[in-house]
Amino acid sequence: MFAWIIEGDGHRPMLRFEDGRTGIPVNLRLLSRREFLELLGRRVEVRSQLSPDHYTVRFAGADEPRTA
Protein backbone atom coordinates (compact mmCIF):
# COMPACT_ATOMS: atom_id res chain seq x y z
CA MET A 1 0.00 0.00 0.00
CA PHE A 2 1.26 3.48 -0.84
CA ALA A 3 0.45 7.00 0.36
CA TRP A 4 1.78 10.54 0.00
CA ILE A 5 3.22 12.87 2.64
CA ILE A 6 0.96 15.88 3.18
CA GLU A 7 0.69 18.63 5.76
CA GLY A 8 -2.14 18.36 8.27
CA ASP A 9 -3.54 20.79 10.81
CA GLY A 10 -0.88 22.37 12.98
CA HIS A 11 1.79 21.63 10.32
CA ARG A 12 1.72 17.95 11.26
CA PRO A 13 3.11 15.32 8.86
CA MET A 14 0.22 13.22 7.57
CA LEU A 15 -0.39 10.52 4.98
CA ARG A 16 -3.00 10.73 2.23
CA PHE A 17 -4.08 7.44 0.72
CA GLU A 18 -5.48 7.05 -2.81
CA ASP A 19 -9.02 6.70 -1.45
CA GLY A 20 -8.75 10.03 0.41
CA ARG A 21 -8.20 8.60 3.90
CA THR A 22 -5.51 10.16 6.03
CA GLY A 23 -3.17 8.72 8.62
CA ILE A 24 -0.17 9.60 10.73
CA PRO A 25 3.36 8.40 9.87
CA VAL A 26 4.83 7.50 13.25
CA ASN A 27 8.42 6.83 12.26
CA LEU A 28 9.55 9.92 10.32
CA ARG A 29 12.63 11.47 11.86
CA LEU A 30 12.38 15.15 10.97
CA LEU A 31 14.76 17.61 12.56
CA SER A 32 13.49 20.81 11.02
CA ARG A 33 10.59 22.43 9.20
CA ARG A 34 12.79 22.62 6.11
CA GLU A 35 13.28 18.83 6.13
CA PHE A 36 9.52 18.39 6.35
CA LEU A 37 8.85 20.78 3.46
CA GLU A 38 11.33 18.85 1.31
CA LEU A 39 9.25 15.70 1.87
CA LEU A 40 5.81 17.10 1.04
CA GLY A 41 4.28 15.22 -1.85
CA ARG A 42 6.72 12.29 -1.63
CA ARG A 43 5.28 8.83 -2.12
CA VAL A 44 5.86 6.37 0.71
CA GLU A 45 5.25 2.67 1.12
CA VAL A 46 3.11 1.82 4.14
CA ARG A 47 4.90 -1.03 5.92
CA SER A 48 2.54 -1.69 8.82
CA GLN A 49 -0.47 -0.30 10.62
CA LEU A 50 0.13 0.20 14.32
CA SER A 51 -3.38 1.43 15.17
CA PRO A 52 -6.38 2.68 13.18
CA ASP A 53 -4.62 5.98 12.30
CA HIS A 54 -0.90 5.31 12.81
CA TYR A 55 1.43 3.74 10.23
CA THR A 56 5.08 2.94 9.74
CA VAL A 57 6.34 4.00 6.33
CA ARG A 58 9.35 3.71 4.04
CA PHE A 59 10.19 5.93 1.11
CA ALA A 60 9.31 4.06 -2.07
CA GLY A 61 12.25 2.71 -4.00
CA ALA A 62 15.05 3.92 -1.75
CA ASP A 63 16.79 3.29 1.52
CA GLU A 64 16.02 6.48 3.41
CA PRO A 65 17.60 7.29 6.77
CA ARG A 66 14.49 9.22 7.86
CA THR A 67 12.41 6.07 8.36
CA ALA A 68 12.58 3.53 11.15
PDB file of N, CA and C in Angstrom:
ATOM      1  N   MET A   1       0.848  -1.160   0.000  1.00  0.00           N
ATOM      2  CA  MET A   1       0.000   0.000   0.000  1.00  0.00           C
ATOM      3  C   MET A   1       0.903   1.236   0.000  1.00  0.00           C
ATOM      4  N   PHE A   2       0.483   2.257  -0.732  1.00  0.00           N
ATOM      5  CA  PHE A   2       1.256   3.481  -0.840  1.00  0.00           C
ATOM      6  C   PHE A   2       0.410   4.678  -0.431  1.00  0.00           C
ATOM      7  N   ALA A   3       1.098   5.743  -0.020  1.00  0.00           N
ATOM      8  CA  ALA A   3       0.445   6.996   0.363  1.00  0.00           C
ATOM      9  C   ALA A   3       1.417   8.126   0.060  1.00  0.00           C
ATOM     10  N   TRP A   4       0.960   9.368   0.245  1.00  0.00           N
ATOM     11  CA  TRP A   4       1.782  10.543  -0.001  1.00  0.00           C
ATOM     12  C   TRP A   4       1.874  11.361   1.273  1.00  0.00           C
ATOM     13  N   ILE A   5       3.028  11.995   1.487  1.00  0.00           N
ATOM     14  CA  ILE A   5       3.222  12.868   2.641  1.00  0.00           C
ATOM     15  C   ILE A   5       2.516  14.199   2.365  1.00  0.00           C
ATOM     16  N   ILE A   6       1.654  14.600   3.283  1.00  0.00           N
ATOM     17  CA  ILE A   6       0.964  15.882   3.185  1.00  0.00           C
ATOM     18  C   ILE A   6       1.128  16.621   4.508  1.00  0.00           C
ATOM     19  N   GLU A   7       0.646  17.852   4.540  1.00  0.00           N
ATOM     20  CA  GLU A   7       0.695  18.632   5.764  1.00  0.00           C
ATOM     21  C   GLU A   7      -0.706  18.741   6.345  1.00  0.00           C
ATOM     22  N   GLY A   8      -0.857  18.301   7.590  1.00  0.00           N
ATOM     23  CA  GLY A   8      -2.137  18.363   8.267  1.00  0.00           C
ATOM     24  C   GLY A   8      -2.264  19.620   9.113  1.00  0.00           C
ATOM     25  N   ASP A   9      -3.329  19.672   9.891  1.00  0.00           N
ATOM     26  CA  ASP A   9      -3.539  20.792  10.809  1.00  0.00           C
ATOM     27  C   ASP A   9      -2.354  20.925  11.749  1.00  0.00           C
ATOM     28  N   GLY A  10      -2.000  22.135  12.072  1.00  0.00           N
ATOM     29  CA  GLY A  10      -0.879  22.371  12.981  1.00  0.00           C
ATOM     30  C   GLY A  10       0.463  21.993  12.376  1.00  0.00           C
ATOM     31  N   HIS A  11       0.554  21.951  11.040  1.00  0.00           N
ATOM     32  CA  HIS A  11       1.794  21.634  10.323  1.00  0.00           C
ATOM     33  C   HIS A  11       2.282  20.227  10.628  1.00  0.00           C
ATOM     34  N   ARG A  12       1.380  19.322  10.901  1.00  0.00           N
ATOM     35  CA  ARG A  12       1.717  17.946  11.257  1.00  0.00           C
ATOM     36  C   ARG A  12       1.918  17.089  10.012  1.00  0.00           C
ATOM     37  N   PRO A  13       2.966  16.255   9.975  1.00  0.00           N
ATOM     38  CA  PRO A  13       3.112  15.316   8.857  1.00  0.00           C
ATOM     39  C   PRO A  13       1.958  14.316   8.860  1.00  0.00           C
ATOM     40  N   MET A  14       1.338  14.153   7.706  1.00  0.00           N
ATOM     41  CA  MET A  14       0.216  13.225   7.566  1.00  0.00           C
ATOM     42  C   MET A  14       0.414  12.407   6.295  1.00  0.00           C
ATOM     43  N   LEU A  15      -0.357  11.345   6.174  1.00  0.00           N
ATOM     44  CA  LEU A  15      -0.386  10.518   4.979  1.00  0.00           C
ATOM     45  C   LEU A  15      -1.731  10.686   4.309  1.00  0.00           C
ATOM     46  N   ARG A  16      -1.747  10.749   2.976  1.00  0.00           N
ATOM     47  CA  ARG A  16      -2.999  10.734   2.229  1.00  0.00           C
ATOM     48  C   ARG A  16      -2.968   9.506   1.332  1.00  0.00           C
ATOM     49  N   PHE A  17      -3.959   8.649   1.519  1.00  0.00           N
ATOM     50  CA  PHE A  17      -4.081   7.439   0.717  1.00  0.00           C
ATOM     51  C   PHE A  17      -4.875   7.740  -0.547  1.00  0.00           C
ATOM     52  N   GLU A  18      -4.792   6.840  -1.531  1.00  0.00           N
ATOM     53  CA  GLU A  18      -5.479   7.053  -2.808  1.00  0.00           C
ATOM     54  C   GLU A  18      -6.981   7.229  -2.646  1.00  0.00           C
ATOM     55  N   ASP A  19      -7.569   6.601  -1.645  1.00  0.00           N
ATOM     56  CA  ASP A  19      -9.019   6.703  -1.449  1.00  0.00           C
ATOM     57  C   ASP A  19      -9.421   7.932  -0.634  1.00  0.00           C
ATOM     58  N   GLY A  20      -8.459   8.807  -0.305  1.00  0.00           N
ATOM     59  CA  GLY A  20      -8.754  10.032   0.407  1.00  0.00           C
ATOM     60  C   GLY A  20      -8.602   9.960   1.917  1.00  0.00           C
ATOM     61  N   ARG A  21      -8.428   8.739   2.455  1.00  0.00           N
ATOM     62  CA  ARG A  21      -8.199   8.604   3.897  1.00  0.00           C
ATOM     63  C   ARG A  21      -6.889   9.261   4.273  1.00  0.00           C
ATOM     64  N   THR A  22      -6.774   9.634   5.535  1.00  0.00           N
ATOM     65  CA  THR A  22      -5.511  10.164   6.030  1.00  0.00           C
ATOM     66  C   THR A  22      -5.052   9.329   7.212  1.00  0.00           C
ATOM     67  N   GLY A  23      -3.769   9.424   7.499  1.00  0.00           N
ATOM     68  CA  GLY A  23      -3.173   8.719   8.618  1.00  0.00           C
ATOM     69  C   GLY A  23      -1.946   9.476   9.094  1.00  0.00           C
ATOM     70  N   ILE A  24      -1.327   8.952  10.125  1.00  0.00           N
ATOM     71  CA  ILE A  24      -0.170   9.600  10.732  1.00  0.00           C
ATOM     72  C   ILE A  24       1.052   8.693  10.572  1.00  0.00           C
ATOM     73  N   PRO A  25       2.130   9.186   9.949  1.00  0.00           N
ATOM     74  CA  PRO A  25       3.362   8.401   9.868  1.00  0.00           C
ATOM     75  C   PRO A  25       4.114   8.524  11.191  1.00  0.00           C
ATOM     76  N   VAL A  26       4.264   7.425  11.901  1.00  0.00           N
ATOM     77  CA  VAL A  26       4.834   7.498  13.251  1.00  0.00           C
ATOM     78  C   VAL A  26       6.348   7.433  13.285  1.00  0.00           C
ATOM     79  N   ASN A  27       6.984   7.066  12.197  1.00  0.00           N
ATOM     80  CA  ASN A  27       8.418   6.832  12.259  1.00  0.00           C
ATOM     81  C   ASN A  27       9.266   7.811  11.453  1.00  0.00           C
ATOM     82  N   LEU A  28       8.726   8.923  11.009  1.00  0.00           N
ATOM     83  CA  LEU A  28       9.547   9.916  10.317  1.00  0.00           C
ATOM     84  C   LEU A  28      10.429  10.624  11.329  1.00  0.00           C
ATOM     85  N   ARG A  29      11.678  10.782  11.001  1.00  0.00           N
ATOM     86  CA  ARG A  29      12.628  11.470  11.861  1.00  0.00           C
ATOM     87  C   ARG A  29      12.969  12.811  11.228  1.00  0.00           C
ATOM     88  N   LEU A  30      12.193  13.825  11.549  1.00  0.00           N
ATOM     89  CA  LEU A  30      12.378  15.147  10.968  1.00  0.00           C
ATOM     90  C   LEU A  30      12.982  16.072  12.008  1.00  0.00           C
ATOM     91  N   LEU A  31      14.061  16.733  11.632  1.00  0.00           N
ATOM     92  CA  LEU A  31      14.756  17.606  12.562  1.00  0.00           C
ATOM     93  C   LEU A  31      14.374  19.066  12.396  1.00  0.00           C
ATOM     94  N   SER A  32      13.810  19.405  11.253  1.00  0.00           N
ATOM     95  CA  SER A  32      13.495  20.812  11.022  1.00  0.00           C
ATOM     96  C   SER A  32      12.278  20.946  10.112  1.00  0.00           C
ATOM     97  N   ARG A  33      11.705  22.116  10.097  1.00  0.00           N
ATOM     98  CA  ARG A  33      10.588  22.429   9.200  1.00  0.00           C
ATOM     99  C   ARG A  33      11.033  22.306   7.743  1.00  0.00           C
ATOM    100  N   ARG A  34      12.255  22.709   7.476  1.00  0.00           N
ATOM    101  CA  ARG A  34      12.791  22.619   6.109  1.00  0.00           C
ATOM    102  C   ARG A  34      12.816  21.165   5.629  1.00  0.00           C
ATOM    103  N   GLU A  35      13.270  20.252   6.492  1.00  0.00           N
ATOM    104  CA  GLU A  35      13.279  18.831   6.128  1.00  0.00           C
ATOM    105  C   GLU A  35      11.870  18.360   5.783  1.00  0.00           C
ATOM    106  N   PHE A  36      10.899  18.783   6.598  1.00  0.00           N
ATOM    107  CA  PHE A  36       9.524  18.390   6.349  1.00  0.00           C
ATOM    108  C   PHE A  36       9.043  18.925   5.006  1.00  0.00           C
ATOM    109  N   LEU A  37       9.302  20.188   4.719  1.00  0.00           N
ATOM    110  CA  LEU A  37       8.851  20.782   3.463  1.00  0.00           C
ATOM    111  C   LEU A  37       9.462  20.088   2.257  1.00  0.00           C
ATOM    112  N   GLU A  38      10.689  19.586   2.401  1.00  0.00           N
ATOM    113  CA  GLU A  38      11.329  18.850   1.310  1.00  0.00           C
ATOM    114  C   GLU A  38      10.637  17.515   1.038  1.00  0.00           C
ATOM    115  N   LEU A  39       9.906  16.994   2.017  1.00  0.00           N
ATOM    116  CA  LEU A  39       9.252  15.696   1.872  1.00  0.00           C
ATOM    117  C   LEU A  39       7.810  15.776   1.393  1.00  0.00           C
ATOM    118  N   LEU A  40       7.209  16.972   1.452  1.00  0.00           N
ATOM    119  CA  LEU A  40       5.811  17.100   1.038  1.00  0.00           C
ATOM    120  C   LEU A  40       5.612  16.570  -0.376  1.00  0.00           C
ATOM    121  N   GLY A  41       4.588  15.777  -0.540  1.00  0.00           N
ATOM    122  CA  GLY A  41       4.280  15.218  -1.850  1.00  0.00           C
ATOM    123  C   GLY A  41       5.020  13.944  -2.183  1.00  0.00           C
ATOM    124  N   ARG A  42       5.972  13.532  -1.354  1.00  0.00           N
ATOM    125  CA  ARG A  42       6.717  12.292  -1.627  1.00  0.00           C
ATOM    126  C   ARG A  42       5.839  11.074  -1.407  1.00  0.00           C
ATOM    127  N   ARG A  43       6.003  10.094  -2.228  1.00  0.00           N
ATOM    128  CA  ARG A  43       5.278   8.832  -2.118  1.00  0.00           C
ATOM    129  C   ARG A  43       6.024   7.928  -1.142  1.00  0.00           C
ATOM    130  N   VAL A  44       5.276   7.286  -0.255  1.00  0.00           N
ATOM    131  CA  VAL A  44       5.857   6.367   0.709  1.00  0.00           C
ATOM    132  C   VAL A  44       5.121   5.034   0.645  1.00  0.00           C
ATOM    133  N   GLU A  45       5.835   3.988   1.001  1.00  0.00           N
ATOM    134  CA  GLU A  45       5.246   2.666   1.124  1.00  0.00           C
ATOM    135  C   GLU A  45       4.826   2.475   2.577  1.00  0.00           C
ATOM    136  N   VAL A  46       3.587   2.095   2.790  1.00  0.00           N
ATOM    137  CA  VAL A  46       3.111   1.824   4.145  1.00  0.00           C
ATOM    138  C   VAL A  46       3.529   0.402   4.491  1.00  0.00           C
ATOM    139  N   ARG A  47       4.355   0.276   5.535  1.00  0.00           N
ATOM    140  CA  ARG A  47       4.898  -1.029   5.919  1.00  0.00           C
ATOM    141  C   ARG A  47       4.017  -1.765   6.912  1.00  0.00           C
ATOM    142  N   SER A  48       3.418  -1.051   7.848  1.00  0.00           N
ATOM    143  CA  SER A  48       2.538  -1.690   8.824  1.00  0.00           C
ATOM    144  C   SER A  48       1.593  -0.658   9.414  1.00  0.00           C
ATOM    145  N   GLN A  49       0.499  -1.154   9.959  1.00  0.00           N
ATOM    146  CA  GLN A  49      -0.475  -0.300  10.616  1.00  0.00           C
ATOM    147  C   GLN A  49      -0.415  -0.606  12.104  1.00  0.00           C
ATOM    148  N   LEU A  50      -0.054   0.399  12.889  1.00  0.00           N
ATOM    149  CA  LEU A  50       0.127   0.203  14.317  1.00  0.00           C
ATOM    150  C   LEU A  50      -1.158   0.385  15.105  1.00  0.00           C
ATOM    151  N   SER A  51      -2.062   1.188  14.583  1.00  0.00           N
ATOM    152  CA  SER A  51      -3.382   1.428  15.169  1.00  0.00           C
ATOM    153  C   SER A  51      -4.257   1.953  14.035  1.00  0.00           C
ATOM    154  N   PRO A  52      -5.519   2.243  14.288  1.00  0.00           N
ATOM    155  CA  PRO A  52      -6.380   2.678  13.177  1.00  0.00           C
ATOM    156  C   PRO A  52      -5.853   3.882  12.384  1.00  0.00           C
ATOM    157  N   ASP A  53      -5.090   4.776  12.995  1.00  0.00           N
ATOM    158  CA  ASP A  53      -4.622   5.980  12.295  1.00  0.00           C
ATOM    159  C   ASP A  53      -3.109   6.103  12.186  1.00  0.00           C
ATOM    160  N   HIS A  54      -2.353   5.184  12.736  1.00  0.00           N
ATOM    161  CA  HIS A  54      -0.895   5.309  12.813  1.00  0.00           C
ATOM    162  C   HIS A  54      -0.203   4.216  11.998  1.00  0.00           C
ATOM    163  N   TYR A  55       0.772   4.648  11.175  1.00  0.00           N
ATOM    164  CA  TYR A  55       1.427   3.743  10.232  1.00  0.00           C
ATOM    165  C   TYR A  55       2.939   3.920  10.259  1.00  0.00           C
ATOM    166  N   THR A  56       3.652   2.816  10.006  1.00  0.00           N
ATOM    167  CA  THR A  56       5.081   2.938   9.742  1.00  0.00           C
ATOM    168  C   THR A  56       5.241   2.974   8.228  1.00  0.00           C
ATOM    169  N   VAL A  57       6.172   3.790   7.761  1.00  0.00           N
ATOM    170  CA  VAL A  57       6.343   4.001   6.327  1.00  0.00           C
ATOM    171  C   VAL A  57       7.814   3.904   5.933  1.00  0.00           C
ATOM    172  N   ARG A  58       8.016   3.714   4.635  1.00  0.00           N
ATOM    173  CA  ARG A  58       9.350   3.709   4.039  1.00  0.00           C
ATOM    174  C   ARG A  58       9.232   4.434   2.716  1.00  0.00           C
ATOM    175  N   PHE A  59      10.229   5.226   2.387  1.00  0.00           N
ATOM    176  CA  PHE A  59      10.190   5.928   1.112  1.00  0.00           C
ATOM    177  C   PHE A  59      10.311   4.920  -0.021  1.00  0.00           C
ATOM    178  N   ALA A  60       9.402   5.019  -0.972  1.00  0.00           N
ATOM    179  CA  ALA A  60       9.308   4.062  -2.071  1.00  0.00           C
ATOM    180  C   ALA A  60      10.573   4.056  -2.907  1.00  0.00           C
ATOM    181  N   GLY A  61      11.134   2.879  -3.107  1.00  0.00           N
ATOM    182  CA  GLY A  61      12.250   2.711  -4.001  1.00  0.00           C
ATOM    183  C   GLY A  61      13.601   3.176  -3.521  1.00  0.00           C
ATOM    184  N   ALA A  62      13.747   3.434  -2.238  1.00  0.00           N
ATOM    185  CA  ALA A  62      15.049   3.918  -1.749  1.00  0.00           C
ATOM    186  C   ALA A  62      15.219   3.577  -0.276  1.00  0.00           C
ATOM    187  N   ASP A  63      16.472   3.431   0.111  1.00  0.00           N
ATOM    188  CA  ASP A  63      16.787   3.290   1.523  1.00  0.00           C
ATOM    189  C   ASP A  63      16.974   4.680   2.077  1.00  0.00           C
ATOM    190  N   GLU A  64      16.023   5.115   2.879  1.00  0.00           N
ATOM    191  CA  GLU A  64      16.021   6.484   3.410  1.00  0.00           C
ATOM    192  C   GLU A  64      16.338   6.461   4.892  1.00  0.00           C
ATOM    193  N   PRO A  65      17.270   7.268   5.346  1.00  0.00           N
ATOM    194  CA  PRO A  65      17.596   7.287   6.769  1.00  0.00           C
ATOM    195  C   PRO A  65      16.531   7.929   7.647  1.00  0.00           C
ATOM    196  N   ARG A  66      15.510   8.567   7.063  1.00  0.00           N
ATOM    197  CA  ARG A  66      14.485   9.224   7.859  1.00  0.00           C
ATOM    198  C   ARG A  66      13.370   8.288   8.304  1.00  0.00           C
ATOM    199  N   THR A  67      13.440   7.015   7.935  1.00  0.00           N
ATOM    200  CA  THR A  67      12.411   6.074   8.360  1.00  0.00           C
ATOM    201  C   THR A  67      12.998   5.070   9.331  1.00  0.00           C
ATOM    202  N   ALA A  68      12.139   4.517  10.161  1.00  0.00           N
ATOM    203  CA  ALA A  68      12.585   3.529  11.151  1.00  0.00           C
ATOM    204  C   ALA A  68      12.556   2.150  10.558  1.00  0.00           C
TER     205      ALA A  68
END
